[in-house]
C-alpha atoms as a PDB file:
ATOM      1  CA  MET A   1     -34.251 -15.474 -22.261  1.00  0.00           C
ATOM      2  CA  LYS A   2     -30.843 -16.608 -23.446  1.00  0.00           C
ATOM      3  CA  ARG A   3     -28.424 -13.778 -24.031  1.00  0.00           C
ATOM      4  CA  GLU A   4     -27.158 -13.462 -27.601  1.00  0.00           C
ATOM      5  CA  GLN A   5     -23.507 -14.342 -27.930  1.00  0.00           C
ATOM      6  CA  HIS A   6     -21.352 -12.250 -30.263  1.00  0.00           C
ATOM      7  CA  ARG A   7     -18.262 -13.704 -31.873  1.00  0.00           C
ATOM      8  CA  ARG A   8     -14.992 -12.045 -30.893  1.00  0.00           C
ATOM      9  CA  VAL A   9     -13.314 -10.015 -33.654  1.00  0.00           C
ATOM     10  CA  THR A  10     -10.047 -11.658 -34.691  1.00  0.00           C
ATOM     11  CA  LEU A  11      -6.908 -10.588 -36.543  1.00  0.00           C
ATOM     12  CA  LYS A  12      -8.191 -12.615 -39.492  1.00  0.00           C
ATOM     13  CA  ASP A  13     -11.380 -10.508 -39.586  1.00  0.00           C
ATOM     14  CA  ILE A  14      -9.363  -7.287 -39.634  1.00  0.00           C
ATOM     15  CA  ALA A  15      -7.101  -8.673 -42.346  1.00  0.00           C
ATOM     16  CA  ALA A  16     -10.104  -9.529 -44.519  1.00  0.00           C
ATOM     17  CA  LYS A  17     -11.564  -6.049 -43.997  1.00  0.00           C
ATOM     18  CA  THR A  18      -8.348  -4.140 -44.782  1.00  0.00           C
ATOM     19  CA  GLY A  19      -6.817  -6.418 -47.419  1.00  0.00           C
ATOM     20  CA  TYR A  20      -3.595  -6.862 -45.453  1.00  0.00           C
ATOM     21  CA  SER A  21      -2.184 -10.157 -44.219  1.00  0.00           C
ATOM     22  CA  VAL A  22      -2.751 -11.379 -40.652  1.00  0.00           C
ATOM     23  CA  ILE A  23       0.975 -10.891 -39.977  1.00  0.00           C
ATOM     24  CA  THR A  24       0.834  -7.266 -41.137  1.00  0.00           C
ATOM     25  CA  VAL A  25      -2.262  -6.619 -39.019  1.00  0.00           C
ATOM     26  CA  SER A  26      -0.558  -8.090 -35.962  1.00  0.00           C
ATOM     27  CA  LYS A  27       2.545  -5.965 -36.507  1.00  0.00           C
ATOM     28  CA  ALA A  28       0.450  -2.822 -37.001  1.00  0.00           C
ATOM     29  CA  LEU A  29      -1.458  -3.353 -33.770  1.00  0.00           C
ATOM     30  CA  ARG A  30       1.864  -3.794 -31.964  1.00  0.00           C
ATOM     31  CA  GLY A  31       3.205  -0.597 -33.558  1.00  0.00           C
ATOM     32  CA  SER A  32       5.987  -2.276 -35.492  1.00  0.00           C
ATOM     33  CA  SER A  33       8.569   0.208 -36.799  1.00  0.00           C
ATOM     34  CA  ASP A  34       8.918  -1.501 -40.185  1.00  0.00           C
ATOM     35  CA  LEU A  35       5.416  -0.476 -41.319  1.00  0.00           C
ATOM     36  CA  ALA A  36       4.350   2.865 -42.752  1.00  0.00           C
ATOM     37  CA  ASP A  37       2.498   5.152 -40.362  1.00  0.00           C
ATOM     38  CA  SER A  38      -0.421   5.293 -42.783  1.00  0.00           C
ATOM     39  CA  THR A  39      -0.708   1.490 -42.749  1.00  0.00           C
ATOM     40  CA  ILE A  40      -0.637   1.355 -38.956  1.00  0.00           C
ATOM     41  CA  HIS A  41      -3.239   4.108 -38.740  1.00  0.00           C
ATOM     42  CA  LEU A  42      -5.595   2.421 -41.212  1.00  0.00           C
ATOM     43  CA  ILE A  43      -5.391  -0.975 -39.521  1.00  0.00           C
ATOM     44  CA  ARG A  44      -5.841   0.454 -36.037  1.00  0.00           C
ATOM     45  CA  GLU A  45      -8.801   2.577 -37.125  1.00  0.00           C
ATOM     46  CA  THR A  46     -10.432  -0.456 -38.726  1.00  0.00           C
ATOM     47  CA  ALA A  47      -9.775  -2.577 -35.644  1.00  0.00           C
ATOM     48  CA  SER A  48     -11.381   0.077 -33.455  1.00  0.00           C
ATOM     49  CA  GLU A  49     -14.438   0.362 -35.690  1.00  0.00           C
ATOM     50  CA  MET A  50     -14.879  -3.421 -35.634  1.00  0.00           C
ATOM     51  CA  GLY A  51     -14.666  -3.524 -31.830  1.00  0.00           C
ATOM     52  CA  TYR A  52     -11.427  -5.475 -31.704  1.00  0.00           C
ATOM     53  CA  VAL A  53      -9.998  -6.139 -28.220  1.00  0.00           C
ATOM     54  CA  ALA A  54      -6.644  -7.839 -27.918  1.00  0.00           C
ATOM     55  CA  ASN A  55      -6.681 -11.326 -26.402  1.00  0.00           C
ATOM     56  CA  SER A  56      -4.410 -10.784 -23.416  1.00  0.00           C
ATOM     57  CA  ALA A  57      -4.382 -14.490 -22.568  1.00  0.00           C
ATOM     58  CA  ALA A  58      -3.101 -15.366 -26.039  1.00  0.00           C
ATOM     59  CA  ASN A  59      -0.540 -12.571 -25.869  1.00  0.00           C
ATOM     60  CA  ALA A  60       0.631 -13.830 -22.506  1.00  0.00           C
ATOM     61  CA  LEU A  61       1.090 -17.333 -23.892  1.00  0.00           C
ATOM     62  CA  ARG A  62       3.236 -15.970 -26.702  1.00  0.00           C
ATOM     63  CA  SER A  63       5.321 -13.577 -24.615  1.00  0.00           C
ATOM     64  CA  GLY A  64       5.322 -15.269 -21.224  1.00  0.00           C
ATOM     65  CA  GLN A  65       4.149 -11.966 -19.684  1.00  0.00           C
ATOM     66  CA  THR A  66       0.748 -10.585 -18.744  1.00  0.00           C
ATOM     67  CA  ASN A  67       1.895  -7.004 -18.091  1.00  0.00           C
ATOM     68  CA  MET A  68      -0.060  -7.193 -14.852  1.00  0.00           C
ATOM     69  CA  ILE A  69       1.045  -6.633 -11.275  1.00  0.00           C
ATOM     70  CA  ALA A  70      -0.833  -7.413  -8.068  1.00  0.00           C
ATOM     71  CA  LEU A  71      -1.150  -5.306  -4.928  1.00  0.00           C
ATOM     72  CA  THR A  72      -2.009  -7.159  -1.713  1.00  0.00           C
ATOM     73  CA  LEU A  73      -2.937  -4.575   0.915  1.00  0.00           C
ATOM     74  CA  VAL A  74      -3.929  -5.122   4.544  1.00  0.00           C
ATOM     75  CA  ASP A  75      -6.749  -2.563   4.618  1.00  0.00           C
ATOM     76  CA  ILE A  76      -7.902  -0.680   1.523  1.00  0.00           C
ATOM     77  CA  SER A  77     -10.512   1.175   3.606  1.00  0.00           C
ATOM     78  CA  ASN A  78      -7.603   3.062   5.168  1.00  0.00           C
ATOM     79  CA  PRO A  79      -7.204   6.264   3.098  1.00  0.00           C
ATOM     80  CA  PHE A  80      -3.433   5.819   3.243  1.00  0.00           C
ATOM     81  CA  TRP A  81      -3.644   2.571   1.291  1.00  0.00           C
ATOM     82  CA  SER A  82      -6.310   3.899  -1.067  1.00  0.00           C
ATOM     83  CA  CYS A  83      -3.959   6.726  -2.051  1.00  0.00           C
ATOM     84  CA  PHE A  84      -1.099   4.230  -2.271  1.00  0.00           C
ATOM     85  CA  ALA A  85      -3.059   2.007  -4.656  1.00  0.00           C
ATOM     86  CA  LYS A  86      -4.051   4.944  -6.866  1.00  0.00           C
ATOM     87  CA  LYS A  87      -0.446   6.107  -7.233  1.00  0.00           C
ATOM     88  CA  ALA A  88       0.900   2.581  -7.776  1.00  0.00           C
ATOM     89  CA  ASP A  89      -1.672   2.041 -10.523  1.00  0.00           C
ATOM     90  CA  ALA A  90      -0.708   5.325 -12.199  1.00  0.00           C
ATOM     91  CA  VAL A  91       3.003   4.442 -12.187  1.00  0.00           C
ATOM     92  CA  ALA A  92       2.249   0.945 -13.476  1.00  0.00           C
ATOM     93  CA  ARG A  93       0.054   2.230 -16.331  1.00  0.00           C
ATOM     94  CA  ALA A  94       2.754   4.690 -17.359  1.00  0.00           C
ATOM     95  CA  HIS A  95       4.998   1.662 -17.942  1.00  0.00           C
ATOM     96  CA  GLY A  96       2.385  -0.420 -19.751  1.00  0.00           C
ATOM     97  CA  TYR A  97       1.168  -2.495 -16.795  1.00  0.00           C
ATOM     98  CA  THR A  98      -2.285  -2.961 -15.305  1.00  0.00           C
ATOM     99  CA  THR A  99      -2.924  -3.686 -11.632  1.00  0.00           C
ATOM    100  CA  MET A 100      -5.130  -6.018  -9.643  1.00  0.00           C
ATOM    101  CA  ILE A 101      -5.790  -5.025  -6.026  1.00  0.00           C
ATOM    102  CA  MET A 102      -6.637  -7.463  -3.251  1.00  0.00           C
ATOM    103  CA  ASN A 103      -7.500  -6.727   0.377  1.00  0.00           C
ATOM    104  CA  THR A 104      -6.195  -9.113   3.052  1.00  0.00           C
ATOM    105  CA  ASP A 105      -7.604  -7.586   6.283  1.00  0.00           C
ATOM    106  CA  MET A 106      -4.219  -8.208   7.937  1.00  0.00           C
ATOM    107  CA  ASP A 107      -5.020 -11.928   7.834  1.00  0.00           C
ATOM    108  CA  GLY A 108      -2.314 -14.446   6.942  1.00  0.00           C
ATOM    109  CA  ALA A 109      -4.682 -16.919   5.295  1.00  0.00           C
ATOM    110  CA  SER A 110      -6.257 -14.168   3.184  1.00  0.00           C
ATOM    111  CA  GLU A 111      -2.796 -12.998   2.183  1.00  0.00           C
ATOM    112  CA  ALA A 112      -1.816 -16.539   1.157  1.00  0.00           C
ATOM    113  CA  LEU A 113      -4.978 -16.808  -0.943  1.00  0.00           C
ATOM    114  CA  ALA A 114      -4.320 -13.426  -2.559  1.00  0.00           C
ATOM    115  CA  ILE A 115      -0.763 -14.400  -3.477  1.00  0.00           C
ATOM    116  CA  ARG A 116      -1.904 -17.761  -4.847  1.00  0.00           C
ATOM    117  CA  THR A 117      -4.632 -16.059  -6.896  1.00  0.00           C
ATOM    118  CA  ALA A 118      -2.127 -13.582  -8.311  1.00  0.00           C
ATOM    119  CA  VAL A 119       0.210 -16.402  -9.302  1.00  0.00           C
ATOM    120  CA  GLU A 120      -2.638 -18.335 -10.934  1.00  0.00           C
ATOM    121  CA  ARG A 121      -3.540 -15.210 -12.938  1.00  0.00           C
ATOM    122  CA  GLY A 122       0.044 -15.076 -14.166  1.00  0.00           C
ATOM    123  CA  VAL A 123       0.999 -11.668 -12.774  1.00  0.00           C
ATOM    124  CA  ASP A 124       4.516 -10.494 -13.564  1.00  0.00           C
ATOM    125  CA  GLY A 125       5.136  -9.201 -10.023  1.00  0.00           C
ATOM    126  CA  LEU A 126       3.560  -8.237  -6.695  1.00  0.00           C
ATOM    127  CA  ILE A 127       3.664  -5.443  -4.143  1.00  0.00           C
ATOM    128  CA  ILE A 128       2.870  -6.793  -0.675  1.00  0.00           C
ATOM    129  CA  ASP A 129       1.823  -4.920   2.444  1.00  0.00           C
ATOM    130  CA  PRO A 130       2.671  -7.782   4.797  1.00  0.00           C
ATOM    131  CA  SER A 131       0.559  -9.686   7.277  1.00  0.00           C
ATOM    132  CA  VAL A 132       1.944 -11.495  10.303  1.00  0.00           C
ATOM    133  CA  CYS A 133       2.488 -14.594   8.141  1.00  0.00           C
ATOM    134  CA  TYR A 134       4.079 -12.864   5.165  1.00  0.00           C
ATOM    135  CA  ARG A 135       7.412 -14.688   5.536  1.00  0.00           C
ATOM    136  CA  GLU A 136       5.947 -18.107   4.787  1.00  0.00           C
ATOM    137  CA  ASN A 137       3.457 -16.716   2.272  1.00  0.00           C
ATOM    138  CA  VAL A 138       6.121 -15.237  -0.019  1.00  0.00           C
ATOM    139  CA  GLU A 139       8.120 -18.472  -0.183  1.00  0.00           C
ATOM    140  CA  VAL A 140       6.122 -19.607  -3.209  1.00  0.00           C
ATOM    141  CA  LEU A 141       7.127 -16.421  -5.038  1.00  0.00           C
ATOM    142  CA  GLN A 142      10.784 -16.916  -4.190  1.00  0.00           C
ATOM    143  CA  LYS A 143      10.706 -20.531  -5.366  1.00  0.00           C
ATOM    144  CA  MET A 144       9.050 -19.541  -8.655  1.00  0.00           C
ATOM    145  CA  GLY A 145      11.289 -16.535  -9.202  1.00  0.00           C
ATOM    146  CA  ILE A 146       8.364 -14.089  -9.339  1.00  0.00           C
ATOM    147  CA  PRO A 147       9.504 -10.556  -8.379  1.00  0.00           C
ATOM    148  CA  PHE A 148       7.854  -8.907  -5.390  1.00  0.00           C
ATOM    149  CA  VAL A 149       8.412  -5.889  -3.173  1.00  0.00           C
ATOM    150  CA  VAL A 150       7.394  -5.696   0.495  1.00  0.00           C
ATOM    151  CA  VAL A 151       6.196  -2.261   1.613  1.00  0.00           C
ATOM    152  CA  SER A 152       5.868  -0.414   4.947  1.00  0.00           C
ATOM    153  CA  TYR A 153       8.218  -2.806   6.769  1.00  0.00           C
ATOM    154  CA  MET A 154      11.961  -3.433   6.788  1.00  0.00           C
ATOM    155  CA  PRO A 155      12.463  -7.222   6.698  1.00  0.00           C
ATOM    156  CA  GLU A 156      15.069  -8.651   9.038  1.00  0.00           C
ATOM    157  CA  GLU A 157      16.095 -10.877   6.157  1.00  0.00           C
ATOM    158  CA  ASP A 158      18.138  -9.568   3.229  1.00  0.00           C
ATOM    159  CA  ASP A 159      16.590 -11.922   0.651  1.00  0.00           C
ATOM    160  CA  MET A 160      13.692  -9.713  -0.472  1.00  0.00           C
ATOM    161  CA  ASP A 161      13.165  -6.214  -1.831  1.00  0.00           C
ATOM    162  CA  ALA A 162      11.474  -3.740   0.485  1.00  0.00           C
ATOM    163  CA  VAL A 163      10.477  -0.077   0.565  1.00  0.00           C
ATOM    164  CA  PHE A 164       9.481   1.436   3.897  1.00  0.00           C
ATOM    165  CA  PHE A 165       9.356   4.534   6.053  1.00  0.00           C
ATOM    166  CA  ASP A 166      11.548   4.961   9.102  1.00  0.00           C
ATOM    167  CA  GLU A 167       9.051   3.490  11.568  1.00  0.00           C
ATOM    168  CA  TYR A 168      11.366   3.914  14.551  1.00  0.00           C
ATOM    169  CA  GLN A 169      11.846   7.601  13.852  1.00  0.00           C
ATOM    170  CA  SER A 170       8.105   8.107  13.275  1.00  0.00           C
ATOM    171  CA  ALA A 171       7.160   6.936  16.772  1.00  0.00           C
ATOM    172  CA  HIS A 172      10.148   8.709  18.306  1.00  0.00           C
ATOM    173  CA  LEU A 173       9.152  12.071  16.803  1.00  0.00           C
ATOM    174  CA  LEU A 174       5.555  11.753  17.985  1.00  0.00           C
ATOM    175  CA  VAL A 175       6.402  10.791  21.571  1.00  0.00           C
ATOM    176  CA  LYS A 176       8.996  13.575  21.778  1.00  0.00           C
ATOM    177  CA  ARG A 177       6.411  16.056  20.516  1.00  0.00           C
ATOM    178  CA  LEU A 178       3.956  15.064  23.254  1.00  0.00           C
ATOM    179  CA  LEU A 179       6.641  15.171  25.952  1.00  0.00           C
ATOM    180  CA  GLU A 180       7.837  18.592  24.834  1.00  0.00           C
ATOM    181  CA  GLY A 181       4.260  19.781  25.284  1.00  0.00           C
ATOM    182  CA  GLY A 182       4.335  18.666  28.913  1.00  0.00           C
ATOM    183  CA  ARG A 183       2.314  15.471  28.402  1.00  0.00           C
ATOM    184  CA  ARG A 184       3.249  12.672  30.788  1.00  0.00           C
ATOM    185  CA  ARG A 185       0.367  10.157  30.682  1.00  0.00           C
ATOM    186  CA  LEU A 186       0.298   8.678  27.195  1.00  0.00           C
ATOM    187  CA  ILE A 187      -1.673   6.078  25.262  1.00  0.00           C
ATOM    188  CA  MET A 188      -0.134   4.605  22.138  1.00  0.00           C
ATOM    189  CA  MET A 189      -2.731   3.149  19.759  1.00  0.00           C
ATOM    190  CA  ASN A 190      -0.352   0.725  18.082  1.00  0.00           C
ATOM    191  CA  LEU A 191      -0.608  -1.661  15.148  1.00  0.00           C
ATOM    192  CA  PRO A 192      -2.159  -5.128  15.696  1.00  0.00           C
ATOM    193  CA  VAL A 193      -0.118  -7.685  17.609  1.00  0.00           C
ATOM    194  CA  GLY A 194       2.318  -9.568  15.396  1.00  0.00           C
ATOM    195  CA  LEU A 195       2.506  -7.068  12.562  1.00  0.00           C
ATOM    196  CA  PRO A 196       6.167  -6.420  11.802  1.00  0.00           C
ATOM    197  CA  SER A 197       6.218  -2.694  12.567  1.00  0.00           C
ATOM    198  CA  ALA A 198       4.289  -2.880  15.855  1.00  0.00           C
ATOM    199  CA  ALA A 199       7.285  -3.941  17.951  1.00  0.00           C
ATOM    200  CA  VAL A 200       9.533  -1.340  16.294  1.00  0.00           C
ATOM    201  CA  ARG A 201       7.122   1.489  17.114  1.00  0.00           C
ATOM    202  CA  ALA A 202       6.603   0.295  20.684  1.00  0.00           C
ATOM    203  CA  GLN A 203      10.342   0.116  21.372  1.00  0.00           C
ATOM    204  CA  SER A 204      10.867   3.556  19.872  1.00  0.00           C
ATOM    205  CA  ALA A 205       8.210   5.043  22.172  1.00  0.00           C
ATOM    206  CA  LEU A 206       9.846   3.494  25.242  1.00  0.00           C
ATOM    207  CA  ASP A 207      13.262   4.739  24.144  1.00  0.00           C
ATOM    208  CA  ALA A 208      11.931   8.280  23.719  1.00  0.00           C
ATOM    209  CA  LEU A 209      10.503   8.173  27.244  1.00  0.00           C
ATOM    210  CA  ARG A 210      13.742   6.825  28.664  1.00  0.00           C
ATOM    211  CA  GLU A 211      15.692   9.672  27.084  1.00  0.00           C
ATOM    212  CA  GLU A 212      13.560  12.083  29.133  1.00  0.00           C
ATOM    213  CA  GLY A 213      14.011  10.154  32.361  1.00  0.00           C
ATOM    214  CA  LEU A 214      10.582   8.550  32.155  1.00  0.00           C
ATOM    215  CA  GLY A 215       9.574   4.889  31.980  1.00  0.00           C
ATOM    216  CA  PRO A 216       6.937   2.350  30.912  1.00  0.00           C
ATOM    217  CA  GLU A 217       4.590   3.602  33.643  1.00  0.00           C
ATOM    218  CA  ASN A 218       4.148   6.796  31.591  1.00  0.00           C
ATOM    219  CA  ILE A 219       2.645   5.045  28.583  1.00  0.00           C
ATOM    220  CA  LEU A 220       0.027   2.412  27.865  1.00  0.00           C
ATOM    221  CA  ILE A 221       0.792   0.666  24.572  1.00  0.00           C
ATOM    222  CA  ALA A 222      -2.432  -0.803  23.179  1.00  0.00           C
ATOM    223  CA  ASN A 223      -2.482  -2.932  20.045  1.00  0.00           C
ATOM    224  CA  VAL A 224      -5.587  -2.272  17.947  1.00  0.00           C
ATOM    225  CA  PRO A 225      -6.960  -5.312  16.062  1.00  0.00           C
ATOM    226  CA  ASN A 226      -8.291  -4.742  12.573  1.00  0.00           C
ATOM    227  CA  GLY A 227     -12.066  -4.596  12.356  1.00  0.00           C
ATOM    228  CA  ASP A 228     -15.050  -2.305  12.707  1.00  0.00           C
ATOM    229  CA  GLY A 229     -15.332  -0.757  16.147  1.00  0.00           C
ATOM    230  CA  GLU A 230     -12.042  -2.150  17.439  1.00  0.00           C
ATOM    231  CA  CYS A 231     -10.289   1.220  17.641  1.00  0.00           C
ATOM    232  CA  ILE A 232     -13.018   2.736  19.821  1.00  0.00           C
ATOM    233  CA  ARG A 233     -13.243  -0.373  22.015  1.00  0.00           C
ATOM    234  CA  VAL A 234      -9.493  -0.311  22.653  1.00  0.00           C
ATOM    235  CA  LEU A 235      -9.575   3.453  23.265  1.00  0.00           C
ATOM    236  CA  ARG A 236     -12.295   3.157  25.910  1.00  0.00           C
ATOM    237  CA  GLU A 237     -10.518   0.288  27.647  1.00  0.00           C
ATOM    238  CA  SER A 238      -7.218   2.192  27.581  1.00  0.00           C
ATOM    239  CA  LEU A 239      -8.745   5.382  29.022  1.00  0.00           C
ATOM    240  CA  ALA A 240     -10.230   3.317  31.854  1.00  0.00           C
ATOM    241  CA  ALA A 241      -6.903   1.607  32.521  1.00  0.00           C
ATOM    242  CA  MET A 242      -4.811   4.796  32.363  1.00  0.00           C
ATOM    243  CA  PRO A 243      -6.451   7.571  34.440  1.00  0.00           C
ATOM    244  CA  GLY A 244      -5.301  11.110  33.748  1.00  0.00           C
ATOM    245  CA  VAL A 245      -4.302  10.560  30.116  1.00  0.00           C
ATOM    246  CA  ASP A 246      -3.086  13.780  28.522  1.00  0.00           C
ATOM    247  CA  GLY A 247      -1.646  12.541  25.221  1.00  0.00           C
ATOM    248  CA  ILE A 248      -2.586   9.943  22.591  1.00  0.00           C
ATOM    249  CA  LEU A 249      -0.624   8.838  19.542  1.00  0.00           C
ATOM    250  CA  THR A 250      -2.062   6.593  16.843  1.00  0.00           C
ATOM    251  CA  TYR A 251      -0.444   4.475  14.153  1.00  0.00           C
ATOM    252  CA  GLY A 252      -2.336   6.276  11.396  1.00  0.00           C
ATOM    253  CA  ASP A 253      -4.212   9.499  10.745  1.00  0.00           C
ATOM    254  CA  HIS A 254      -7.385   7.528  10.005  1.00  0.00           C
ATOM    255  CA  ARG A 255      -7.222   6.093  13.529  1.00  0.00           C
ATOM    256  CA  ALA A 256      -6.597   9.583  14.914  1.00  0.00           C
ATOM    257  CA  MET A 257      -9.838  10.715  13.280  1.00  0.00           C
ATOM    258  CA  GLU A 258     -11.749   7.909  15.000  1.00  0.00           C
ATOM    259  CA  VAL A 259     -10.149   8.760  18.330  1.00  0.00           C
ATOM    260  CA  ALA A 260     -10.887  12.476  17.902  1.00  0.00           C
ATOM    261  CA  ASP A 261     -14.545  11.802  17.164  1.00  0.00           C
ATOM    262  CA  GLU A 262     -14.916   9.633  20.258  1.00  0.00           C
ATOM    263  CA  LEU A 263     -13.085  12.101  22.504  1.00  0.00           C
ATOM    264  CA  MET A 264     -15.251  14.995  21.342  1.00  0.00           C
ATOM    265  CA  GLU A 265     -18.380  12.901  21.984  1.00  0.00           C
ATOM    266  CA  MET A 266     -17.066  12.486  25.547  1.00  0.00           C
ATOM    267  CA  GLY A 267     -16.623  16.252  25.898  1.00  0.00           C
ATOM    268  CA  VAL A 268     -12.827  16.063  25.825  1.00  0.00           C
ATOM    269  CA  ARG A 269     -11.093  19.111  24.346  1.00  0.00           C
ATOM    270  CA  ILE A 270      -8.232  18.601  21.867  1.00  0.00           C
ATOM    271  CA  PRO A 271      -5.488  19.583  22.665  1.00  0.00           C
ATOM    272  CA  GLU A 272      -6.434  21.379  25.894  1.00  0.00           C
ATOM    273  CA  ASP A 273      -7.371  18.170  27.758  1.00  0.00           C
ATOM    274  CA  ILE A 274      -5.701  15.531  25.589  1.00  0.00           C
ATOM    275  CA  ALA A 275      -3.169  16.135  22.837  1.00  0.00           C
ATOM    276  CA  LEU A 276      -3.629  13.902  19.792  1.00  0.00           C
ATOM    277  CA  VAL A 277      -1.059  13.005  17.135  1.00  0.00           C
ATOM    278  CA  GLY A 278      -1.232  10.696  14.134  1.00  0.00           C
ATOM    279  CA  CYS A 279       0.953   9.314  11.382  1.00  0.00           C
ATOM    280  CA  GLY A 280       0.736   9.622   7.588  1.00  0.00           C
ATOM    281  CA  ASN A 281       0.028  13.313   6.970  1.00  0.00           C
ATOM    282  CA  GLN A 282      -3.267  12.645   5.214  1.00  0.00           C
ATOM    283  CA  GLU A 283      -3.992  16.347   5.507  1.00  0.00           C
ATOM    284  CA  SER A 284      -1.557  16.830   2.606  1.00  0.00           C
ATOM    285  CA  HIS A 285      -3.896  15.033   0.182  1.00  0.00           C
ATOM    286  CA  LEU A 286      -7.290  14.763   1.940  1.00  0.00           C
ATOM    287  CA  ARG A 287      -9.584  17.204   3.721  1.00  0.00           C
ATOM    288  CA  ILE A 288      -9.863  16.313   7.407  1.00  0.00           C
ATOM    289  CA  PRO A 289     -11.966  18.015  10.138  1.00  0.00           C
ATOM    290  CA  PHE A 290      -9.143  19.643  12.108  1.00  0.00           C
ATOM    291  CA  SER A 291      -5.430  20.355  11.990  1.00  0.00           C
ATOM    292  CA  LEU A 292      -3.644  17.170  13.110  1.00  0.00           C
ATOM    293  CA  THR A 293      -0.046  16.922  14.253  1.00  0.00           C
ATOM    294  CA  THR A 294       1.413  13.972  12.407  1.00  0.00           C
ATOM    295  CA  VAL A 295       4.465  12.444  10.786  1.00  0.00           C
ATOM    296  CA  ASP A 296       4.831  13.054   7.075  1.00  0.00           C
ATOM    297  CA  SER A 297       5.005   9.632   5.435  1.00  0.00           C
ATOM    298  CA  PRO A 298       3.215  10.163   2.116  1.00  0.00           C
ATOM    299  CA  PRO A 299       1.664   7.066   0.518  1.00  0.00           C
ATOM    300  CA  MET A 300       2.361   8.434  -2.976  1.00  0.00           C
ATOM    301  CA  THR A 301       6.102   8.411  -2.311  1.00  0.00           C
ATOM    302  CA  LEU A 302       5.952   4.863  -0.976  1.00  0.00           C
ATOM    303  CA  ALA A 303       3.915   3.729  -3.991  1.00  0.00           C
ATOM    304  CA  ARG A 304       6.184   5.422  -6.516  1.00  0.00           C
ATOM    305  CA  GLU A 305       9.364   3.935  -5.046  1.00  0.00           C
ATOM    306  CA  ALA A 306       7.900   0.445  -4.638  1.00  0.00           C
ATOM    307  CA  THR A 307       6.311   0.259  -8.098  1.00  0.00           C
ATOM    308  CA  THR A 308       9.411   1.635  -9.801  1.00  0.00           C
ATOM    309  CA  LEU A 309      11.581  -0.940  -8.030  1.00  0.00           C
ATOM    310  CA  LEU A 310       9.198  -3.762  -8.951  1.00  0.00           C
ATOM    311  CA  ILE A 311       9.116  -2.752 -12.627  1.00  0.00           C
ATOM    312  CA  ARG A 312      12.906  -2.672 -12.675  1.00  0.00           C
ATOM    313  CA  ARG A 313      13.026  -6.163 -11.184  1.00  0.00           C
ATOM    314  CA  MET A 314      10.494  -7.510 -13.709  1.00  0.00           C
ATOM    315  CA  LYS A 315      12.649  -6.285 -16.594  1.00  0.00           C
ATOM    316  CA  GLU A 316      15.908  -7.704 -15.262  1.00  0.00           C
ATOM    317  CA  ASP A 317      17.314 -11.029 -16.424  1.00  0.00           C
ATOM    318  CA  GLY A 318      18.073 -13.341 -13.539  1.00  0.00           C
ATOM    319  CA  PRO A 319      18.197 -12.738  -9.785  1.00  0.00           C
ATOM    320  CA  ALA A 320      19.619  -9.551  -8.296  1.00  0.00           C
ATOM    321  CA  LYS A 321      20.746  -8.575  -4.815  1.00  0.00           C
ATOM    322  CA  ALA A 322      17.779  -7.544  -2.680  1.00  0.00           C
ATOM    323  CA  GLU A 323      17.379  -3.815  -2.136  1.00  0.00           C
ATOM    324  CA  HIS A 324      16.034  -2.055   0.958  1.00  0.00           C
ATOM    325  CA  ILE A 325      14.878   1.533   0.432  1.00  0.00           C
ATOM    326  CA  GLN A 326      14.133   3.536   3.574  1.00  0.00           C
ATOM    327  CA  ILE A 327      12.153   6.744   3.100  1.00  0.00           C
ATOM    328  CA  PRO A 328      12.891   9.474   5.683  1.00  0.00           C
ATOM    329  CA  VAL A 329      10.089  11.037   7.731  1.00  0.00           C
ATOM    330  CA  HIS A 330       9.631  14.358   9.505  1.00  0.00           C
ATOM    331  CA  LEU A 331       7.196  15.874  11.951  1.00  0.00           C
ATOM    332  CA  MET A 332       4.298  18.056  10.795  1.00  0.00           C
ATOM    333  CA  ALA A 333       3.506  20.101  13.910  1.00  0.00           C
ATOM    334  CA  ARG A 334      -0.070  21.366  13.954  1.00  0.00           C
ATOM    335  CA  ARG A 335      -2.699  22.382  16.477  1.00  0.00           C
ATOM    336  CA  SER A 336      -3.895  19.008  17.818  1.00  0.00           C
ATOM    337  CA  GLY A 337      -0.797  18.204  19.843  1.00  0.00           C
END
């Protein structure tokens, strides 16, 4: 059975219903200051009763803006990025913008498609959690002059805005914490190979060991690919390759939870047998099974700073000097390590 099609309510319909001109109706719906409050109220009430919904495509054609921003995130199943997206959306809405969220699974081709889709939809700006191929993928935005902000990574280049945590300090704090607890056989569950922050974290861990007179033989740095089951596979392989492990650090609290579950299934006691530390401090905004030592790098702070910077860029006339905002981190020492 063919579905009945209903005609969209137009400004002309509202004008006929209220007795005002189409121009007056349009101004009232936009909240023009040169109309009486009573007129605005009457027209808006009538529009609501008639089921009027503004034609955003038509508005965008007139203004050249869609009041929409896009978020391209590498893994929205990670609670960190879920909280990030929620806060970014709240900040955007407070400034009159809506958001579209796209997951890239840390894949360069998916990221390129997400950026192209956002551009085709006419977004006013983007926030990008970068993949390995982000540098080439953002070139289209730079050529078109579309504002964007890279998050969670400090670009080596100074031609793009970025907001990020101190990744070097994060890894340094966690390794130092494990060493201070007497741990000497470490596994580092690092970001996937090629992601910008992976090398920074790995170097920081080695530097922390060197400061204590230790070396690469005291740590196994394992890069964890994105995908179901990959964290546990890499953990098992790493435990087999590094006998006598007494400390594990992960690149995110969500990974620490996976590791903890697997270790407990194996009968390993945390922290008595193996100390476990994470990154992100998800315990500050989510309930987790046990008290996890971690680095405080709240996603809400990252989202607020990145979205605020992007909105400022979208309202500016002409290009501006790129800005890099580094958010400090600190250790949250708890029972797990």
